[in-house]
Protein backbone atom coordinates (compact mmCIF):
# COMPACT_ATOMS: atom_id res chain seq x y z
CA MET A 1 155.55 197.24 136.49
CA SER A 2 157.98 196.84 139.32
CA ASP A 3 161.24 198.64 140.00
CA LEU A 4 162.90 195.55 141.35
CA PRO A 5 165.64 193.82 139.34
CA VAL A 6 164.51 191.05 137.08
CA HIS A 7 166.30 188.07 135.45
CA VAL A 8 165.74 186.72 132.00
CA ILE A 9 166.42 182.94 131.50
CA ALA A 10 166.58 181.45 127.92
CA ASN A 11 166.79 177.82 127.17
CA PHE A 12 167.44 176.73 123.59
CA THR A 13 169.32 174.18 121.43
CA VAL A 14 171.79 175.57 118.83
CA GLN A 15 170.91 174.02 115.44
CA ASP A 16 173.07 176.36 113.19
CA ALA A 17 176.22 177.49 115.01
CA ALA A 18 177.13 180.13 112.32
CA LYS A 19 173.60 181.78 112.46
CA TYR A 20 173.83 181.81 116.29
CA ARG A 21 177.26 183.40 116.27
CA GLU A 22 175.87 186.23 114.21
CA TYR A 23 173.32 186.71 117.02
CA GLU A 24 175.90 186.57 119.73
CA LYS A 25 177.96 189.33 117.99
CA GLY A 26 175.11 191.81 118.41
CA PHE A 27 173.68 190.65 121.52
CA PHE A 28 175.88 192.27 124.18
CA PRO A 29 175.70 195.98 122.89
CA ILE A 30 171.96 195.84 122.82
CA LEU A 31 171.79 194.12 126.28
CA LYS A 32 174.12 196.95 127.67
CA LYS A 33 171.99 199.62 126.00
CA HIS A 34 169.09 198.63 128.21
CA GLY A 35 171.01 198.26 131.32
CA GLY A 36 171.32 194.52 131.17
CA GLU A 37 174.06 192.48 132.75
CA PHE A 38 175.02 189.02 131.50
CA ILE A 39 175.24 186.48 134.28
CA THR A 40 176.20 183.09 132.82
CA PHE A 41 175.53 180.29 130.21
CA ASP A 42 175.74 176.50 130.62
CA ASP A 43 175.61 174.00 127.93
CA SER A 44 175.36 171.12 130.41
CA SER A 45 172.96 172.08 133.24
CA VAL A 46 172.09 169.44 135.90
CA THR A 47 168.56 168.87 137.15
CA PHE A 48 168.57 167.34 140.72
CA GLU A 49 164.91 166.60 140.92
CA GLY A 50 161.88 166.31 138.73
CA ALA A 51 161.70 166.06 134.93
CA ALA A 52 164.64 167.66 133.09
CA PRO A 53 162.90 170.19 130.99
CA LEU A 54 166.06 171.88 130.00
CA GLN A 55 167.80 170.95 126.82
CA GLY A 56 170.88 172.50 125.21
CA ARG A 57 171.99 175.96 126.37
CA VAL A 58 170.81 177.88 129.37
CA VAL A 59 171.52 181.65 129.50
CA MET A 60 170.78 184.05 132.36
CA PHE A 61 171.06 187.73 132.38
CA LYS A 62 169.68 190.65 134.52
CA PHE A 63 167.97 194.00 134.17
CA PRO A 64 167.58 196.72 136.68
CA ASN A 65 163.75 196.39 136.35
CA GLU A 66 160.87 195.07 134.36
CA ALA A 67 160.53 198.22 132.15
CA ALA A 68 164.24 197.76 131.04
CA ALA A 69 163.73 194.08 130.14
CA THR A 70 160.62 194.76 128.33
CA ALA A 71 162.26 197.63 126.44
CA TRP A 72 165.19 195.35 125.52
CA TYR A 73 162.94 192.63 124.20
CA HIS A 74 160.79 195.01 122.15
CA ASP A 75 163.82 196.90 120.87
CA SER A 76 163.54 196.90 117.10
CA GLU A 77 167.35 196.37 116.70
CA TYR A 78 167.02 193.34 119.04
CA GLN A 79 164.08 191.86 117.25
CA THR A 80 165.90 192.21 113.90
CA LEU A 81 168.99 190.53 115.55
CA SER A 82 166.78 187.83 116.98
CA ASP A 83 166.13 186.53 113.36
CA TYR A 84 169.62 184.93 113.56
CA ARG A 85 168.69 183.19 116.86
CA ARG A 86 165.35 182.02 115.50
CA ALA A 87 166.91 180.69 112.40
CA GLY A 88 169.95 179.07 114.27
CA THR A 89 168.17 177.67 117.43
CA THR A 90 165.29 175.86 118.76
CA LEU A 91 163.98 177.92 121.66
CA ASN A 92 162.35 176.16 124.49
CA PHE A 93 161.59 179.50 126.51
CA LEU A 94 162.66 182.92 127.00
CA THR A 95 161.29 183.97 130.45
CA MET A 96 161.45 186.98 132.77
CA VAL A 97 161.59 186.24 136.60
CA HIS A 98 160.88 189.11 138.86
CA GLY A 99 163.03 189.92 141.96
CA ILE A 100 161.78 189.46 145.58
CA PRO A 101 160.82 192.67 147.13
CA PRO A 102 162.68 193.65 150.36
CA ARG A 103 161.18 192.20 153.50
CA ALA A 104 159.76 194.53 156.01
């Protein structure tokens, strides 16, 4: 595992706003517990080239390293909370993107 920062990108469509709101209420404390930082979300992203694979909401957040992101995802409290997201959305992907090492 790397000590470089990682970003997590999620793309999903909200099907049940009330269930998704329950997820949102608990999301930020768990994110912070693992050193995560919310970056942004967008409900109308724009694709300049290629097929537009993104539908619905795109969310981006950051962790100090891969271990922190992995611990967040596997946190039992987060997994329990995720039941609301799973019930209220259609998930296209939840992806971790590694940072670039410093250049020599």
